[in-house]
């Protein structure tokens, strides 16, 4: 069984990671969200999109 890993980050670090995810997925968040809504993301993009959504929840954006 894999150990559970908890990452702690500041709000600034979370915002920086969020910006990095948007950059890694093409730099256009609206296009990323549109592709996600159309189920058009690759597995890697979907993982990044899920992380983006989690960060948005945590930093309330």
PDB file of N, CA and C in Angstrom:
ATOM      1  N   UNK A   1       0.843  -1.176   0.000  1.00  0.00           N
ATOM      2  CA  UNK A   1       0.000   0.000   0.000  1.00  0.00           C
ATOM      3  C   UNK A   1       0.892   1.244   0.000  1.00  0.00           C
ATOM      4  N   UNK A   2       0.582   2.179  -0.855  1.00  0.00           N
ATOM      5  CA  UNK A   2       1.368   3.413  -0.958  1.00  0.00           C
ATOM      6  C   UNK A   2       1.058   4.342   0.205  1.00  0.00           C
ATOM      7  N   UNK A   3       2.076   5.025   0.704  1.00  0.00           N
ATOM      8  CA  UNK A   3       1.831   5.964   1.795  1.00  0.00           C
ATOM      9  C   UNK A   3       1.070   7.192   1.290  1.00  0.00           C
ATOM     10  N   UNK A   4       0.330   7.807   2.174  1.00  0.00           N
ATOM     11  CA  UNK A   4      -0.394   9.039   1.844  1.00  0.00           C
ATOM     12  C   UNK A   4       0.574  10.202   2.005  1.00  0.00           C
ATOM     13  N   UNK A   5       0.625  11.046   0.996  1.00  0.00           N
ATOM     14  CA  UNK A   5       1.510  12.204   1.018  1.00  0.00           C
ATOM     15  C   UNK A   5       0.650  13.462   1.024  1.00  0.00           C
ATOM     16  N   UNK A   6       0.905  14.326   1.983  1.00  0.00           N
ATOM     17  CA  UNK A   6       0.175  15.586   2.082  1.00  0.00           C
ATOM     18  C   UNK A   6       1.138  16.708   1.728  1.00  0.00           C
ATOM     19  N   UNK A   7       0.779  17.490   0.727  1.00  0.00           N
ATOM     20  CA  UNK A   7       1.594  18.642   0.340  1.00  0.00           C
ATOM     21  C   UNK A   7       1.017  19.894   0.968  1.00  0.00           C
ATOM     22  N   UNK A   8       1.868  20.627   1.627  1.00  0.00           N
ATOM     23  CA  UNK A   8       1.447  21.913   2.172  1.00  0.00           C
ATOM     24  C   UNK A   8       2.045  23.006   1.312  1.00  0.00           C
ATOM     25  N   UNK A   9       1.242  24.006   1.008  1.00  0.00           N
ATOM     26  CA  UNK A   9       1.744  25.134   0.236  1.00  0.00           C
ATOM     27  C   UNK A   9       1.029  26.399   0.665  1.00  0.00           C
ATOM     28  N   UNK A  10       1.692  27.488   0.458  1.00  0.00           N
ATOM     29  CA  UNK A  10       1.088  28.781   0.752  1.00  0.00           C
ATOM     30  C   UNK A  10       0.127  29.132  -0.382  1.00  0.00           C
ATOM     31  N   UNK A  11      -0.664  30.150  -0.165  1.00  0.00           N
ATOM     32  CA  UNK A  11      -1.572  30.610  -1.222  1.00  0.00           C
ATOM     33  C   UNK A  11      -0.754  31.065  -2.425  1.00  0.00           C
ATOM     34  N   UNK A  12       0.355  31.734  -2.178  1.00  0.00           N
ATOM     35  CA  UNK A  12       1.211  32.196  -3.278  1.00  0.00           C
ATOM     36  C   UNK A  12       1.756  31.008  -4.067  1.00  0.00           C
ATOM     37  N   UNK A  13       2.162  29.952  -3.389  1.00  0.00           N
ATOM     38  CA  UNK A  13       2.655  28.754  -4.067  1.00  0.00           C
ATOM     39  C   UNK A  13       1.536  28.087  -4.865  1.00  0.00           C
ATOM     40  N   UNK A  14       0.332  28.062  -4.308  1.00  0.00           N
ATOM     41  CA  UNK A  14      -0.805  27.472  -5.009  1.00  0.00           C
ATOM     42  C   UNK A  14      -1.129  28.273  -6.271  1.00  0.00           C
ATOM     43  N   UNK A  15      -1.075  29.584  -6.174  1.00  0.00           N
ATOM     44  CA  UNK A  15      -1.335  30.420  -7.360  1.00  0.00           C
ATOM     45  C   UNK A  15      -0.246  30.230  -8.410  1.00  0.00           C
ATOM     46  N   UNK A  16       0.999  30.077  -7.960  1.00  0.00           N
ATOM     47  CA  UNK A  16       2.101  29.846  -8.896  1.00  0.00           C
ATOM     48  C   UNK A  16       1.931  28.496  -9.585  1.00  0.00           C
ATOM     49  N   UNK A  17       1.550  27.478  -8.848  1.00  0.00           N
ATOM     50  CA  UNK A  17       1.324  26.153  -9.436  1.00  0.00           C
ATOM     51  C   UNK A  17       0.163  26.203 -10.419  1.00  0.00           C
ATOM     52  N   UNK A  18      -0.874  26.955 -10.060  1.00  0.00           N
ATOM     53  CA  UNK A  18      -2.029  27.114 -10.944  1.00  0.00           C
ATOM     54  C   UNK A  18      -1.606  27.739 -12.269  1.00  0.00           C
ATOM     55  N   UNK A  19      -0.795  28.795 -12.194  1.00  0.00           N
ATOM     56  CA  UNK A  19      -0.302  29.460 -13.406  1.00  0.00           C
ATOM     57  C   UNK A  19       0.562  28.502 -14.232  1.00  0.00           C
ATOM     58  N   UNK A  20       1.363  27.685 -13.560  1.00  0.00           N
ATOM     59  CA  UNK A  20       2.202  26.713 -14.256  1.00  0.00           C
ATOM     60  C   UNK A  20       1.339  25.686 -14.998  1.00  0.00           C
ATOM     61  N   UNK A  21       0.264  25.233 -14.360  1.00  0.00           N
ATOM     62  CA  UNK A  21      -0.630  24.262 -15.003  1.00  0.00           C
ATOM     63  C   UNK A  21      -1.257  24.869 -16.255  1.00  0.00           C
ATOM     64  N   UNK A  22      -1.710  26.101 -16.157  1.00  0.00           N
ATOM     65  CA  UNK A  22      -2.305  26.765 -17.326  1.00  0.00           C
ATOM     66  C   UNK A  22      -1.265  26.872 -18.440  1.00  0.00           C
ATOM     67  N   UNK A  23      -0.034  27.229 -18.081  1.00  0.00           N
ATOM     68  CA  UNK A  23       1.035  27.325 -19.078  1.00  0.00           C
ATOM     69  C   UNK A  23       1.310  25.968 -19.714  1.00  0.00           C
ATOM     70  N   UNK A  24       1.385  24.916 -18.896  1.00  0.00           N
ATOM     71  CA  UNK A  24       1.683  23.577 -19.400  1.00  0.00           C
ATOM     72  C   UNK A  24       0.599  23.036 -20.335  1.00  0.00           C
ATOM     73  N   UNK A  25      -0.615  23.519 -20.173  1.00  0.00           N
ATOM     74  CA  UNK A  25      -1.728  23.022 -20.990  1.00  0.00           C
ATOM     75  C   UNK A  25      -2.059  23.950 -22.156  1.00  0.00           C
ATOM     76  N   UNK A  26      -1.152  24.834 -22.495  1.00  0.00           N
ATOM     77  CA  UNK A  26      -1.333  25.668 -23.680  1.00  0.00           C
ATOM     78  C   UNK A  26      -1.489  27.142 -23.418  1.00  0.00           C
ATOM     79  N   UNK A  27      -1.632  27.546 -22.174  1.00  0.00           N
ATOM     80  CA  UNK A  27      -1.689  28.958 -21.844  1.00  0.00           C
ATOM     81  C   UNK A  27      -3.045  29.623 -21.962  1.00  0.00           C
ATOM     82  N   UNK A  28      -4.049  28.896 -22.357  1.00  0.00           N
ATOM     83  CA  UNK A  28      -5.388  29.469 -22.510  1.00  0.00           C
ATOM     84  C   UNK A  28      -6.365  28.683 -21.633  1.00  0.00           C
ATOM     85  N   UNK A  29      -6.653  29.237 -20.457  1.00  0.00           N
ATOM     86  CA  UNK A  29      -7.514  28.532 -19.509  1.00  0.00           C
ATOM     87  C   UNK A  29      -8.921  28.314 -20.050  1.00  0.00           C
ATOM     88  N   UNK A  30      -9.461  29.289 -20.757  1.00  0.00           N
ATOM     89  CA  UNK A  30     -10.812  29.143 -21.311  1.00  0.00           C
ATOM     90  C   UNK A  30     -10.865  27.981 -22.308  1.00  0.00           C
ATOM     91  N   UNK A  31      -9.829  27.872 -23.142  1.00  0.00           N
ATOM     92  CA  UNK A  31      -9.780  26.771 -24.106  1.00  0.00           C
ATOM     93  C   UNK A  31      -9.634  25.433 -23.386  1.00  0.00           C
ATOM     94  N   UNK A  32      -8.829  25.403 -22.333  1.00  0.00           N
ATOM     95  CA  UNK A  32      -8.667  24.179 -21.548  1.00  0.00           C
ATOM     96  C   UNK A  32     -10.001  23.761 -20.954  1.00  0.00           C
ATOM     97  N   UNK A  33     -10.717  24.699 -20.378  1.00  0.00           N
ATOM     98  CA  UNK A  33     -12.015  24.385 -19.768  1.00  0.00           C
ATOM     99  C   UNK A  33     -13.021  23.933 -20.827  1.00  0.00           C
ATOM    100  N   UNK A  34     -12.977  24.537 -22.005  1.00  0.00           N
ATOM    101  CA  UNK A  34     -13.882  24.128 -23.089  1.00  0.00           C
ATOM    102  C   UNK A  34     -13.562  22.706 -23.545  1.00  0.00           C
ATOM    103  N   UNK A  35     -12.276  22.397 -23.660  1.00  0.00           N
ATOM    104  CA  UNK A  35     -11.893  21.036 -24.047  1.00  0.00           C
ATOM    105  C   UNK A  35     -12.263  20.038 -22.970  1.00  0.00           C
ATOM    106  N   UNK A  36     -12.139  20.432 -21.708  1.00  0.00           N
ATOM    107  CA  UNK A  36     -12.533  19.541 -20.604  1.00  0.00           C
ATOM    108  C   UNK A  36     -14.037  19.285 -20.653  1.00  0.00           C
ATOM    109  N   UNK A  37     -14.815  20.319 -20.913  1.00  0.00           N
ATOM    110  CA  UNK A  37     -16.271  20.172 -20.991  1.00  0.00           C
ATOM    111  C   UNK A  37     -16.672  19.251 -22.146  1.00  0.00           C
ATOM    112  N   UNK A  38     -15.860  19.246 -23.203  1.00  0.00           N
ATOM    113  CA  UNK A  38     -16.139  18.385 -24.351  1.00  0.00           C
ATOM    114  C   UNK A  38     -15.464  17.023 -24.266  1.00  0.00           C
ATOM    115  N   UNK A  39     -14.882  16.700 -23.098  1.00  0.00           N
ATOM    116  CA  UNK A  39     -14.193  15.411 -22.892  1.00  0.00           C
ATOM    117  C   UNK A  39     -13.087  15.199 -23.925  1.00  0.00           C
ATOM    118  N   UNK A  40     -12.324  16.241 -24.198  1.00  0.00           N
ATOM    119  CA  UNK A  40     -11.293  16.189 -25.229  1.00  0.00           C
ATOM    120  C   UNK A  40      -9.874  16.251 -24.677  1.00  0.00           C
ATOM    121  N   UNK A  41      -9.703  16.032 -23.374  1.00  0.00           N
ATOM    122  CA  UNK A  41      -8.376  16.113 -22.774  1.00  0.00           C
ATOM    123  C   UNK A  41      -7.688  14.752 -22.807  1.00  0.00           C
ATOM    124  N   UNK A  42      -6.366  14.801 -22.977  1.00  0.00           N
ATOM    125  CA  UNK A  42      -5.582  13.573 -22.850  1.00  0.00           C
ATOM    126  C   UNK A  42      -5.532  13.198 -21.367  1.00  0.00           C
ATOM    127  N   UNK A  43      -5.011  12.033 -21.067  1.00  0.00           N
ATOM    128  CA  UNK A  43      -4.907  11.600 -19.667  1.00  0.00           C
ATOM    129  C   UNK A  43      -4.036  12.556 -18.863  1.00  0.00           C
ATOM    130  N   UNK A  44      -2.928  12.996 -19.444  1.00  0.00           N
ATOM    131  CA  UNK A  44      -2.041  13.941 -18.745  1.00  0.00           C
ATOM    132  C   UNK A  44      -2.736  15.281 -18.524  1.00  0.00           C
ATOM    133  N   UNK A  45      -3.424  15.762 -19.561  1.00  0.00           N
ATOM    134  CA  UNK A  45      -4.142  17.029 -19.430  1.00  0.00           C
ATOM    135  C   UNK A  45      -5.254  16.926 -18.398  1.00  0.00           C
ATOM    136  N   UNK A  46      -5.925  15.784 -18.359  1.00  0.00           N
ATOM    137  CA  UNK A  46      -6.996  15.595 -17.385  1.00  0.00           C
ATOM    138  C   UNK A  46      -6.450  15.626 -15.960  1.00  0.00           C
ATOM    139  N   UNK A  47      -5.300  15.020 -15.745  1.00  0.00           N
ATOM    140  CA  UNK A  47      -4.682  15.049 -14.417  1.00  0.00           C
ATOM    141  C   UNK A  47      -4.343  16.479 -14.019  1.00  0.00           C
ATOM    142  N   UNK A  48      -3.805  17.245 -14.957  1.00  0.00           N
ATOM    143  CA  UNK A  48      -3.491  18.646 -14.670  1.00  0.00           C
ATOM    144  C   UNK A  48      -4.764  19.458 -14.445  1.00  0.00           C
ATOM    145  N   UNK A  49      -5.794  19.183 -15.232  1.00  0.00           N
ATOM    146  CA  UNK A  49      -7.061  19.890 -15.065  1.00  0.00           C
ATOM    147  C   UNK A  49      -7.667  19.601 -13.684  1.00  0.00           C
ATOM    148  N   UNK A  50      -7.603  18.346 -13.265  1.00  0.00           N
ATOM    149  CA  UNK A  50      -8.108  17.989 -11.933  1.00  0.00           C
ATOM    150  C   UNK A  50      -7.332  18.720 -10.840  1.00  0.00           C
ATOM    151  N   UNK A  51      -6.022  18.821 -11.027  1.00  0.00           N
ATOM    152  CA  UNK A  51      -5.212  19.567 -10.055  1.00  0.00           C
ATOM    153  C   UNK A  51      -5.598  21.042 -10.061  1.00  0.00           C
ATOM    154  N   UNK A  52      -5.836  21.593 -11.237  1.00  0.00           N
ATOM    155  CA  UNK A  52      -6.262  22.991 -11.355  1.00  0.00           C
ATOM    156  C   UNK A  52      -7.574  23.221 -10.601  1.00  0.00           C
ATOM    157  N   UNK A  53      -8.516  22.318 -10.788  1.00  0.00           N
ATOM    158  CA  UNK A  53      -9.802  22.425 -10.104  1.00  0.00           C
ATOM    159  C   UNK A  53      -9.624  22.344  -8.582  1.00  0.00           C
ATOM    160  N   UNK A  54      -8.749  21.463  -8.133  1.00  0.00           N
ATOM    161  CA  UNK A  54      -8.490  21.333  -6.698  1.00  0.00           C
ATOM    162  C   UNK A  54      -7.857  22.603  -6.147  1.00  0.00           C
ATOM    163  N   UNK A  55      -6.919  23.161  -6.883  1.00  0.00           N
ATOM    164  CA  UNK A  55      -6.292  24.409  -6.444  1.00  0.00           C
ATOM    165  C   UNK A  55      -7.314  25.538  -6.396  1.00  0.00           C
ATOM    166  N   UNK A  56      -8.186  25.609  -7.396  1.00  0.00           N
ATOM    167  CA  UNK A  56      -9.231  26.638  -7.394  1.00  0.00           C
ATOM    168  C   UNK A  56     -10.112  26.505  -6.149  1.00  0.00           C
ATOM    169  N   UNK A  57     -10.450  25.292  -5.789  1.00  0.00           N
ATOM    170  CA  UNK A  57     -11.263  25.058  -4.591  1.00  0.00           C
ATOM    171  C   UNK A  57     -10.512  25.519  -3.348  1.00  0.00           C
ATOM    172  N   UNK A  58      -9.256  25.155  -3.260  1.00  0.00           N
ATOM    173  CA  UNK A  58      -8.477  25.469  -2.058  1.00  0.00           C
ATOM    174  C   UNK A  58      -8.207  26.953  -1.889  1.00  0.00           C
ATOM    175  N   UNK A  59      -7.989  27.657  -3.005  1.00  0.00           N
ATOM    176  CA  UNK A  59      -7.708  29.098  -2.893  1.00  0.00           C
ATOM    177  C   UNK A  59      -8.938  29.940  -3.223  1.00  0.00           C
ATOM    178  N   UNK A  60     -10.063  29.259  -3.409  1.00  0.00           N
ATOM    179  CA  UNK A  60     -11.367  29.917  -3.627  1.00  0.00           C
ATOM    180  C   UNK A  60     -11.330  30.897  -4.792  1.00  0.00           C
ATOM    181  N   UNK A  61     -10.833  30.423  -5.944  1.00  0.00           N
ATOM    182  CA  UNK A  61     -10.851  31.245  -7.150  1.00  0.00           C
ATOM    183  C   UNK A  61     -11.740  30.618  -8.194  1.00  0.00           C
TER     184      UNK A  61
END
